[in-house]
């Protein structure tokens, strides 16, 4: 799905439970493919710190006013071939930071793919904003195709086996115990 979004310059929303491996998948994809901008959002970010992190994650210097930083970022992305921007943990962003998505989308439409991702609270927040006609929410909803991808596949025993094998654990009984303890949460698999 990420490759399709990148190549076709689509815009999608992903909203599902924590611990399913969304962030790890984005990180692996960013390591494997070019022109990927992946940012893991934080609750405490201001608009300026959000754009600074986008620049830093793109390997760029982040100095100047908020407007200068945004222009620098847009210039950079415009120069990439088939860029994909992954806004991970978008549920952590406040409205002003989330509103930047519309500007990015408008300025980069047809050139850049977008993934807005978070836990189920992201979908609920966007739908509440759409229903109450809150400024910007209907536009965001439209730009991600008026839907969220959810119902990602739960972590299977095969997934846990591959993770364990990749970390030197071969004992089937131990792997089964880890699978049962984890209850579908990749973080719990890692801890075990």
C-alpha atoms as a PDB file:
ATOM      1  CA  UNK A   1       0.000   0.000   0.000  1.00  0.00           C
ATOM      2  CA  UNK A   2       2.776   2.483   0.858  1.00  0.00           C
ATOM      3  CA  UNK A   3       4.462   1.956  -2.484  1.00  0.00           C
ATOM      4  CA  UNK A   4       1.170   2.523  -4.321  1.00  0.00           C
ATOM      5  CA  UNK A   5       0.553   5.723  -2.349  1.00  0.00           C
ATOM      6  CA  UNK A   6       4.081   6.905  -3.155  1.00  0.00           C
ATOM      7  CA  UNK A   7       4.087   6.087  -6.862  1.00  0.00           C
ATOM      8  CA  UNK A   8       0.538   7.311  -7.555  1.00  0.00           C
ATOM      9  CA  UNK A   9       0.842  10.406  -5.296  1.00  0.00           C
ATOM     10  CA  UNK A  10      -2.194   9.395  -3.252  1.00  0.00           C
ATOM     11  CA  UNK A  11      -3.250  10.575   0.167  1.00  0.00           C
ATOM     12  CA  UNK A  12      -4.528   8.105   2.778  1.00  0.00           C
ATOM     13  CA  UNK A  13      -5.365   7.915   6.458  1.00  0.00           C
ATOM     14  CA  UNK A  14      -4.513   4.938   8.652  1.00  0.00           C
ATOM     15  CA  UNK A  15      -6.078   4.667  12.082  1.00  0.00           C
ATOM     16  CA  UNK A  16      -5.774   1.520  14.167  1.00  0.00           C
ATOM     17  CA  UNK A  17      -4.762   0.104  17.523  1.00  0.00           C
ATOM     18  CA  UNK A  18      -1.384   0.802  19.067  1.00  0.00           C
ATOM     19  CA  UNK A  19       1.175  -1.986  18.947  1.00  0.00           C
ATOM     20  CA  UNK A  20       0.349  -3.367  15.498  1.00  0.00           C
ATOM     21  CA  UNK A  21       3.690  -2.296  14.037  1.00  0.00           C
ATOM     22  CA  UNK A  22       2.628   0.758  12.022  1.00  0.00           C
ATOM     23  CA  UNK A  23       5.645   2.847  13.039  1.00  0.00           C
ATOM     24  CA  UNK A  24       8.099  -0.015  12.536  1.00  0.00           C
ATOM     25  CA  UNK A  25       6.649  -0.607   9.067  1.00  0.00           C
ATOM     26  CA  UNK A  26       7.078   3.086   8.182  1.00  0.00           C
ATOM     27  CA  UNK A  27      10.665   3.076   9.431  1.00  0.00           C
ATOM     28  CA  UNK A  28      11.527  -0.031   7.414  1.00  0.00           C
ATOM     29  CA  UNK A  29       9.902   1.427   4.321  1.00  0.00           C
ATOM     30  CA  UNK A  30      11.848   4.689   4.754  1.00  0.00           C
ATOM     31  CA  UNK A  31      15.121   2.746   5.031  1.00  0.00           C
ATOM     32  CA  UNK A  32      14.349   0.705   1.915  1.00  0.00           C
ATOM     33  CA  UNK A  33      13.026   3.380  -0.449  1.00  0.00           C
ATOM     34  CA  UNK A  34      14.112   6.860  -1.486  1.00  0.00           C
ATOM     35  CA  UNK A  35      12.327  10.190  -1.070  1.00  0.00           C
ATOM     36  CA  UNK A  36      10.523   9.185   2.137  1.00  0.00           C
ATOM     37  CA  UNK A  37       9.882  11.777   4.831  1.00  0.00           C
ATOM     38  CA  UNK A  38       8.738  10.042   8.020  1.00  0.00           C
ATOM     39  CA  UNK A  39       7.990  12.031  11.142  1.00  0.00           C
ATOM     40  CA  UNK A  40       6.753  10.678  14.492  1.00  0.00           C
ATOM     41  CA  UNK A  41       4.650  13.460  15.978  1.00  0.00           C
ATOM     42  CA  UNK A  42       4.745  14.563  19.614  1.00  0.00           C
ATOM     43  CA  UNK A  43       2.047  16.120  21.818  1.00  0.00           C
ATOM     44  CA  UNK A  44       4.181  19.072  22.847  1.00  0.00           C
ATOM     45  CA  UNK A  45       5.155  20.249  19.376  1.00  0.00           C
ATOM     46  CA  UNK A  46       4.378  23.764  18.266  1.00  0.00           C
ATOM     47  CA  UNK A  47       3.867  24.473  14.581  1.00  0.00           C
ATOM     48  CA  UNK A  48       7.516  25.542  14.334  1.00  0.00           C
ATOM     49  CA  UNK A  49       8.877  22.455  16.094  1.00  0.00           C
ATOM     50  CA  UNK A  50       6.731  20.265  13.827  1.00  0.00           C
ATOM     51  CA  UNK A  51       8.161  21.791  10.647  1.00  0.00           C
ATOM     52  CA  UNK A  52      11.676  21.749  12.134  1.00  0.00           C
ATOM     53  CA  UNK A  53      11.334  18.003  12.687  1.00  0.00           C
ATOM     54  CA  UNK A  54      10.144  17.503   9.117  1.00  0.00           C
ATOM     55  CA  UNK A  55      13.268  19.323   7.908  1.00  0.00           C
ATOM     56  CA  UNK A  56      15.613  17.517  10.286  1.00  0.00           C
ATOM     57  CA  UNK A  57      14.151  14.142   9.291  1.00  0.00           C
ATOM     58  CA  UNK A  58      14.826  15.162   5.686  1.00  0.00           C
ATOM     59  CA  UNK A  59      18.487  15.774   6.535  1.00  0.00           C
ATOM     60  CA  UNK A  60      18.206  19.558   6.276  1.00  0.00           C
ATOM     61  CA  UNK A  61      19.144  22.480   8.519  1.00  0.00           C
ATOM     62  CA  UNK A  62      16.169  23.946  10.344  1.00  0.00           C
ATOM     63  CA  UNK A  63      16.848  27.650  10.928  1.00  0.00           C
ATOM     64  CA  UNK A  64      14.583  30.618  10.313  1.00  0.00           C
ATOM     65  CA  UNK A  65      11.031  31.744  10.866  1.00  0.00           C
ATOM     66  CA  UNK A  66       8.156  29.290  10.640  1.00  0.00           C
ATOM     67  CA  UNK A  67       7.277  30.627   7.194  1.00  0.00           C
ATOM     68  CA  UNK A  68      10.879  30.302   5.987  1.00  0.00           C
ATOM     69  CA  UNK A  69      11.039  26.743   7.309  1.00  0.00           C
ATOM     70  CA  UNK A  70       7.807  25.797   5.540  1.00  0.00           C
ATOM     71  CA  UNK A  71       9.038  27.301   2.260  1.00  0.00           C
ATOM     72  CA  UNK A  72      12.375  25.505   2.640  1.00  0.00           C
ATOM     73  CA  UNK A  73      10.561  22.217   3.265  1.00  0.00           C
ATOM     74  CA  UNK A  74       8.227  22.664   0.306  1.00  0.00           C
ATOM     75  CA  UNK A  75      11.174  23.545  -1.975  1.00  0.00           C
ATOM     76  CA  UNK A  76      12.988  20.419  -0.804  1.00  0.00           C
ATOM     77  CA  UNK A  77      10.015  18.091  -1.352  1.00  0.00           C
ATOM     78  CA  UNK A  78       9.315  19.646  -4.757  1.00  0.00           C
ATOM     79  CA  UNK A  79      12.853  18.672  -5.788  1.00  0.00           C
ATOM     80  CA  UNK A  80      12.368  14.996  -4.876  1.00  0.00           C
ATOM     81  CA  UNK A  81      11.267  12.308  -7.285  1.00  0.00           C
ATOM     82  CA  UNK A  82       8.051  10.590  -6.113  1.00  0.00           C
ATOM     83  CA  UNK A  83       8.234  11.741  -2.477  1.00  0.00           C
ATOM     84  CA  UNK A  84       6.109  10.190   0.253  1.00  0.00           C
ATOM     85  CA  UNK A  85       5.371  12.067   3.470  1.00  0.00           C
ATOM     86  CA  UNK A  86       4.379   9.831   6.394  1.00  0.00           C
ATOM     87  CA  UNK A  87       2.884  11.804   9.271  1.00  0.00           C
ATOM     88  CA  UNK A  88       2.984   9.150  11.988  1.00  0.00           C
ATOM     89  CA  UNK A  89       1.203   9.524  15.328  1.00  0.00           C
ATOM     90  CA  UNK A  90      -0.787  12.382  13.794  1.00  0.00           C
ATOM     91  CA  UNK A  91      -3.303  12.004  16.627  1.00  0.00           C
ATOM     92  CA  UNK A  92      -0.694  13.800  18.784  1.00  0.00           C
ATOM     93  CA  UNK A  93      -0.802  16.991  16.689  1.00  0.00           C
ATOM     94  CA  UNK A  94      -2.817  20.016  17.716  1.00  0.00           C
ATOM     95  CA  UNK A  95      -5.109  21.622  15.142  1.00  0.00           C
ATOM     96  CA  UNK A  96      -2.632  24.259  13.845  1.00  0.00           C
ATOM     97  CA  UNK A  97      -0.049  21.570  13.088  1.00  0.00           C
ATOM     98  CA  UNK A  98      -2.654  19.254  11.588  1.00  0.00           C
ATOM     99  CA  UNK A  99      -3.868  22.154   9.425  1.00  0.00           C
ATOM    100  CA  UNK A 100      -0.436  22.278   7.774  1.00  0.00           C
ATOM    101  CA  UNK A 101      -1.359  19.022   6.054  1.00  0.00           C
ATOM    102  CA  UNK A 102      -3.861  20.922   3.901  1.00  0.00           C
ATOM    103  CA  UNK A 103      -1.181  23.417   2.861  1.00  0.00           C
ATOM    104  CA  UNK A 104       1.281  20.628   2.091  1.00  0.00           C
ATOM    105  CA  UNK A 105      -1.368  18.732   0.158  1.00  0.00           C
ATOM    106  CA  UNK A 106      -2.424  21.799  -1.836  1.00  0.00           C
ATOM    107  CA  UNK A 107       1.154  22.786  -2.664  1.00  0.00           C
ATOM    108  CA  UNK A 108       2.387  19.260  -3.443  1.00  0.00           C
ATOM    109  CA  UNK A 109      -0.731  17.628  -4.924  1.00  0.00           C
ATOM    110  CA  UNK A 110       0.150  15.438  -7.877  1.00  0.00           C
ATOM    111  CA  UNK A 111       3.813  15.347  -6.835  1.00  0.00           C
ATOM    112  CA  UNK A 112       3.822  13.804  -3.344  1.00  0.00           C
ATOM    113  CA  UNK A 113       2.035  10.944  -1.614  1.00  0.00           C
ATOM    114  CA  UNK A 114       0.778  11.378   1.943  1.00  0.00           C
ATOM    115  CA  UNK A 115       0.036   9.012   4.810  1.00  0.00           C
ATOM    116  CA  UNK A 116      -1.594  10.377   7.943  1.00  0.00           C
ATOM    117  CA  UNK A 117      -1.432   7.706  10.595  1.00  0.00           C
ATOM    118  CA  UNK A 118      -2.351   7.255  14.226  1.00  0.00           C
ATOM    119  CA  UNK A 119      -4.319   5.274  16.734  1.00  0.00           C
ATOM    120  CA  UNK A 120      -8.102   4.923  16.575  1.00  0.00           C
ATOM    121  CA  UNK A 121      -8.493   8.265  18.355  1.00  0.00           C
ATOM    122  CA  UNK A 122      -7.286   9.964  15.148  1.00  0.00           C
ATOM    123  CA  UNK A 123     -10.241   8.661  13.154  1.00  0.00           C
ATOM    124  CA  UNK A 124     -12.678   9.590  15.939  1.00  0.00           C
ATOM    125  CA  UNK A 125     -11.222  13.094  16.168  1.00  0.00           C
ATOM    126  CA  UNK A 126     -11.426  13.696  12.420  1.00  0.00           C
ATOM    127  CA  UNK A 127     -14.996  12.362  12.199  1.00  0.00           C
ATOM    128  CA  UNK A 128     -16.071  14.499  15.180  1.00  0.00           C
ATOM    129  CA  UNK A 129     -14.511  17.528  13.502  1.00  0.00           C
ATOM    130  CA  UNK A 130     -16.322  16.746  10.239  1.00  0.00           C
ATOM    131  CA  UNK A 131     -19.677  16.231  12.004  1.00  0.00           C
ATOM    132  CA  UNK A 132     -19.371  19.462  13.979  1.00  0.00           C
ATOM    133  CA  UNK A 133     -18.156  21.311  10.864  1.00  0.00           C
ATOM    134  CA  UNK A 134     -14.943  22.329  12.630  1.00  0.00           C
ATOM    135  CA  UNK A 135     -12.670  24.411  10.402  1.00  0.00           C
ATOM    136  CA  UNK A 136     -10.272  22.306   8.341  1.00  0.00           C
ATOM    137  CA  UNK A 137     -11.630  18.893   9.221  1.00  0.00           C
ATOM    138  CA  UNK A 138     -13.943  18.445   6.230  1.00  0.00           C
ATOM    139  CA  UNK A 139     -11.057  19.433   3.941  1.00  0.00           C
ATOM    140  CA  UNK A 140      -8.684  16.973   5.596  1.00  0.00           C
ATOM    141  CA  UNK A 141     -11.311  14.228   5.396  1.00  0.00           C
ATOM    142  CA  UNK A 142     -11.817  14.903   1.692  1.00  0.00           C
ATOM    143  CA  UNK A 143      -8.091  14.858   0.980  1.00  0.00           C
ATOM    144  CA  UNK A 144      -7.639  11.372   2.481  1.00  0.00           C
ATOM    145  CA  UNK A 145     -10.489  10.009   0.385  1.00  0.00           C
ATOM    146  CA  UNK A 146     -13.121  10.290   3.134  1.00  0.00           C
ATOM    147  CA  UNK A 147     -11.966   7.084   4.785  1.00  0.00           C
ATOM    148  CA  UNK A 148      -9.390   5.591   7.064  1.00  0.00           C
ATOM    149  CA  UNK A 149      -7.707   2.263   6.631  1.00  0.00           C
ATOM    150  CA  UNK A 150      -8.238   0.327   9.811  1.00  0.00           C
ATOM    151  CA  UNK A 151      -8.627  -3.304  10.717  1.00  0.00           C
ATOM    152  CA  UNK A 152      -4.946  -3.934  10.043  1.00  0.00           C
ATOM    153  CA  UNK A 153      -4.137  -7.578  10.474  1.00  0.00           C
ATOM    154  CA  UNK A 154      -3.402  -8.648  14.008  1.00  0.00           C
ATOM    155  CA  UNK A 155       0.039  -9.957  14.817  1.00  0.00           C
ATOM    156  CA  UNK A 156       0.007 -13.655  13.940  1.00  0.00           C
ATOM    157  CA  UNK A 157       1.991 -16.542  15.365  1.00  0.00           C
ATOM    158  CA  UNK A 158       3.932 -16.530  12.076  1.00  0.00           C
ATOM    159  CA  UNK A 159       4.796 -12.832  12.605  1.00  0.00           C
ATOM    160  CA  UNK A 160       6.021 -13.535  16.143  1.00  0.00           C
ATOM    161  CA  UNK A 161       7.981 -16.579  14.928  1.00  0.00           C
ATOM    162  CA  UNK A 162       9.751 -14.483  12.274  1.00  0.00           C
ATOM    163  CA  UNK A 163      10.573 -11.746  14.800  1.00  0.00           C
ATOM    164  CA  UNK A 164      11.900 -14.299  17.287  1.00  0.00           C
ATOM    165  CA  UNK A 165      13.887 -16.183  14.620  1.00  0.00           C
ATOM    166  CA  UNK A 166      15.373 -12.897  13.441  1.00  0.00           C
ATOM    167  CA  UNK A 167      16.567 -12.335  17.006  1.00  0.00           C
ATOM    168  CA  UNK A 168      18.040 -15.807  17.488  1.00  0.00           C
ATOM    169  CA  UNK A 169      15.100 -17.435  19.280  1.00  0.00           C
ATOM    170  CA  UNK A 170      14.259 -20.790  17.687  1.00  0.00           C
ATOM    171  CA  UNK A 171      12.486 -22.655  20.536  1.00  0.00           C
ATOM    172  CA  UNK A 172       8.886 -23.230  19.368  1.00  0.00           C
ATOM    173  CA  UNK A 173       7.542 -23.489  22.931  1.00  0.00           C
ATOM    174  CA  UNK A 174       9.141 -20.184  23.930  1.00  0.00           C
ATOM    175  CA  UNK A 175       7.878 -18.519  20.732  1.00  0.00           C
ATOM    176  CA  UNK A 176       4.356 -19.762  21.446  1.00  0.00           C
ATOM    177  CA  UNK A 177       4.558 -18.403  25.004  1.00  0.00           C
ATOM    178  CA  UNK A 178       5.741 -15.003  23.703  1.00  0.00           C
ATOM    179  CA  UNK A 179       2.891 -14.993  21.170  1.00  0.00           C
ATOM    180  CA  UNK A 180       0.316 -15.657  23.906  1.00  0.00           C
ATOM    181  CA  UNK A 181       1.748 -13.056  26.290  1.00  0.00           C
ATOM    182  CA  UNK A 182       1.938 -10.409  23.552  1.00  0.00           C
ATOM    183  CA  UNK A 183      -1.801 -10.512  22.751  1.00  0.00           C
ATOM    184  CA  UNK A 184      -1.123  -9.105  19.270  1.00  0.00           C
ATOM    185  CA  UNK A 185       1.068  -6.209  20.464  1.00  0.00           C
ATOM    186  CA  UNK A 186       4.466  -5.991  18.735  1.00  0.00           C
ATOM    187  CA  UNK A 187       5.859  -3.945  21.649  1.00  0.00           C
ATOM    188  CA  UNK A 188       5.120  -6.823  24.006  1.00  0.00           C
ATOM    189  CA  UNK A 189       6.845  -9.227  21.611  1.00  0.00           C
ATOM    190  CA  UNK A 190       9.927  -7.002  21.696  1.00  0.00           C
ATOM    191  CA  UNK A 191       9.876  -6.841  25.498  1.00  0.00           C
ATOM    192  CA  UNK A 192       9.666 -10.629  25.792  1.00  0.00           C
END
